[in-house]
Amino acid sequence: MDPRVAKKLAAAAERLRGQPGFPKRVGRPRKPTAKERAAEQQRRAAQEVATLDERLLVGTKTVARLLNISNSTVRVLAERGDLPRVTLPHVDRFLFAVEDIRKLIARSRAHMNGGHPTE
């Protein structure tokens, strides 16, 4: 193989090993991989749990993420009275007290352990 051709091929191979996507579009951000997205979700969840003690009320999405259930299941729990909804004047959102979420978890644990509460 001609050394000039080999050099051009090596340079092209090096360019292709760089950032994926459209190499001629300068500044285009790379999409995160599934592993990076999962790590970011875990980081956010851990941060959310860490700041939970500072918050009095949380919304439906937060409760769903904390309990690993869907938003609609949270609403069903609220409608059945298993998770009391906090209503504020002029606020049309489902809000829940953090202490009520903890009580729901404790009741669920007690139910699973045959009526014996756990710490």
Protein backbone atom coordinates (compact mmCIF):
# COMPACT_ATOMS: atom_id res chain seq x y z
CA MET A 1 0.00 0.00 0.00
CA ASP A 2 1.19 3.48 -0.84
CA PRO A 3 2.44 5.28 2.32
CA ARG A 4 0.39 8.40 1.47
CA VAL A 5 -2.81 6.35 1.22
CA ALA A 6 -2.00 4.54 4.47
CA LYS A 7 -1.45 7.89 6.19
CA LYS A 8 -4.80 9.24 4.92
CA LEU A 9 -6.59 6.07 6.03
CA ALA A 10 -5.00 6.28 9.48
CA ALA A 11 -6.09 9.93 9.81
CA ALA A 12 -9.64 9.06 8.73
CA ALA A 13 -9.76 6.17 11.20
CA GLU A 14 -8.61 8.50 13.99
CA ARG A 15 -11.35 11.03 13.12
CA LEU A 16 -14.00 8.30 13.16
CA ARG A 17 -12.92 7.17 16.63
CA GLY A 18 -13.78 10.60 17.99
CA GLN A 19 -17.16 11.90 18.99
CA PRO A 20 -20.06 10.01 17.39
CA GLY A 21 -22.69 11.78 15.36
CA PHE A 22 -22.10 14.29 12.63
CA PRO A 23 -18.40 15.23 12.74
CA LYS A 24 -18.81 18.36 10.61
CA ARG A 25 -21.31 19.91 13.02
CA VAL A 26 -19.11 21.63 15.53
CA GLY A 27 -20.42 21.89 19.06
CA ARG A 28 -23.18 19.35 18.74
CA PRO A 29 -23.61 17.65 22.12
CA ARG A 30 -23.22 13.91 22.38
CA LYS A 31 -26.31 12.01 23.54
CA PRO A 32 -25.77 10.21 26.84
CA THR A 33 -25.65 6.43 26.76
CA ALA A 34 -28.25 4.30 28.53
CA LYS A 35 -25.72 3.61 31.29
CA GLU A 36 -25.06 7.33 31.76
CA ARG A 37 -28.82 8.08 31.83
CA ALA A 38 -29.39 5.37 34.45
CA ALA A 39 -26.54 6.72 36.58
CA GLU A 40 -28.00 10.24 36.34
CA GLN A 41 -31.45 8.97 37.37
CA GLN A 42 -29.94 7.19 40.38
CA ARG A 43 -28.01 10.33 41.33
CA ARG A 44 -31.17 12.44 41.14
CA ALA A 45 -33.16 9.90 43.18
CA ALA A 46 -30.47 9.81 45.88
CA GLN A 47 -30.38 13.60 45.95
CA GLU A 48 -34.17 13.70 46.21
CA VAL A 49 -34.19 11.30 49.14
CA ALA A 50 -31.42 13.30 50.84
CA THR A 51 -33.44 16.52 50.59
CA LEU A 52 -36.69 14.82 51.60
CA ASP A 53 -36.17 15.59 55.29
CA GLU A 54 -36.03 19.30 54.47
CA ARG A 55 -39.37 19.29 52.66
CA LEU A 56 -42.80 19.24 54.23
CA LEU A 57 -44.85 18.46 51.12
CA VAL A 58 -44.09 16.58 47.92
CA GLY A 59 -45.98 16.11 44.67
CA THR A 60 -47.34 13.05 42.93
CA LYS A 61 -44.24 12.49 40.78
CA THR A 62 -41.93 12.57 43.77
CA VAL A 63 -44.08 10.12 45.74
CA ALA A 64 -44.24 7.82 42.73
CA ARG A 65 -40.46 7.87 42.33
CA LEU A 66 -39.85 7.32 46.04
CA LEU A 67 -42.24 4.38 46.27
CA ASN A 68 -41.36 3.05 42.81
CA ILE A 69 -44.98 3.12 41.66
CA SER A 70 -46.84 4.98 38.93
CA ASN A 71 -48.39 8.43 39.28
CA SER A 72 -51.86 6.93 38.84
CA THR A 73 -51.25 4.47 41.68
CA VAL A 74 -50.36 7.40 43.95
CA ARG A 75 -53.65 9.06 43.01
CA VAL A 76 -55.54 5.81 43.71
CA LEU A 77 -53.90 5.58 47.15
CA ALA A 78 -55.01 9.17 47.79
CA GLU A 79 -58.58 8.54 46.62
CA ARG A 80 -58.86 5.42 48.80
CA GLY A 81 -57.58 7.35 51.81
CA ASP A 82 -54.45 5.24 52.25
CA LEU A 83 -52.28 8.28 51.60
CA PRO A 84 -53.88 11.52 52.82
CA ARG A 85 -53.80 14.41 50.38
CA VAL A 86 -52.90 17.86 51.66
CA THR A 87 -54.95 20.67 50.14
CA LEU A 88 -53.78 24.24 50.20
CA PRO A 89 -55.90 27.27 49.33
CA HIS A 90 -55.78 28.13 45.61
CA VAL A 91 -53.51 25.16 44.83
CA ASP A 92 -54.95 22.55 42.49
CA ARG A 93 -52.29 19.86 42.90
CA PHE A 94 -51.99 16.57 44.70
CA LEU A 95 -49.61 17.26 47.58
CA PHE A 96 -48.59 14.82 50.28
CA ALA A 97 -46.90 15.25 53.64
CA VAL A 98 -43.58 13.43 53.95
CA GLU A 99 -44.62 12.08 57.36
CA ASP A 100 -47.75 10.51 55.80
CA ILE A 101 -45.58 8.75 53.23
CA ARG A 102 -43.42 7.35 56.02
CA LYS A 103 -46.54 6.22 57.91
CA LEU A 104 -47.82 4.45 54.78
CA ILE A 105 -44.51 2.59 54.48
CA ALA A 106 -44.58 1.66 58.18
CA ARG A 107 -48.18 0.38 57.88
CA SER A 108 -47.22 -1.64 54.84
CA ARG A 109 -44.25 -3.17 56.64
CA ALA A 110 -46.39 -3.99 59.67
CA HIS A 111 -48.96 -5.65 57.41
CA MET A 112 -46.25 -7.71 55.70
CA ASN A 113 -44.83 -8.79 59.09
CA GLY A 114 -48.12 -10.06 60.45
CA GLY A 115 -49.12 -6.90 62.29
CA HIS A 116 -45.79 -6.37 64.04
CA PRO A 117 -44.37 -2.89 63.35
CA THR A 118 -40.72 -2.71 62.36
CA GLU A 119 -38.24 0.05 62.99
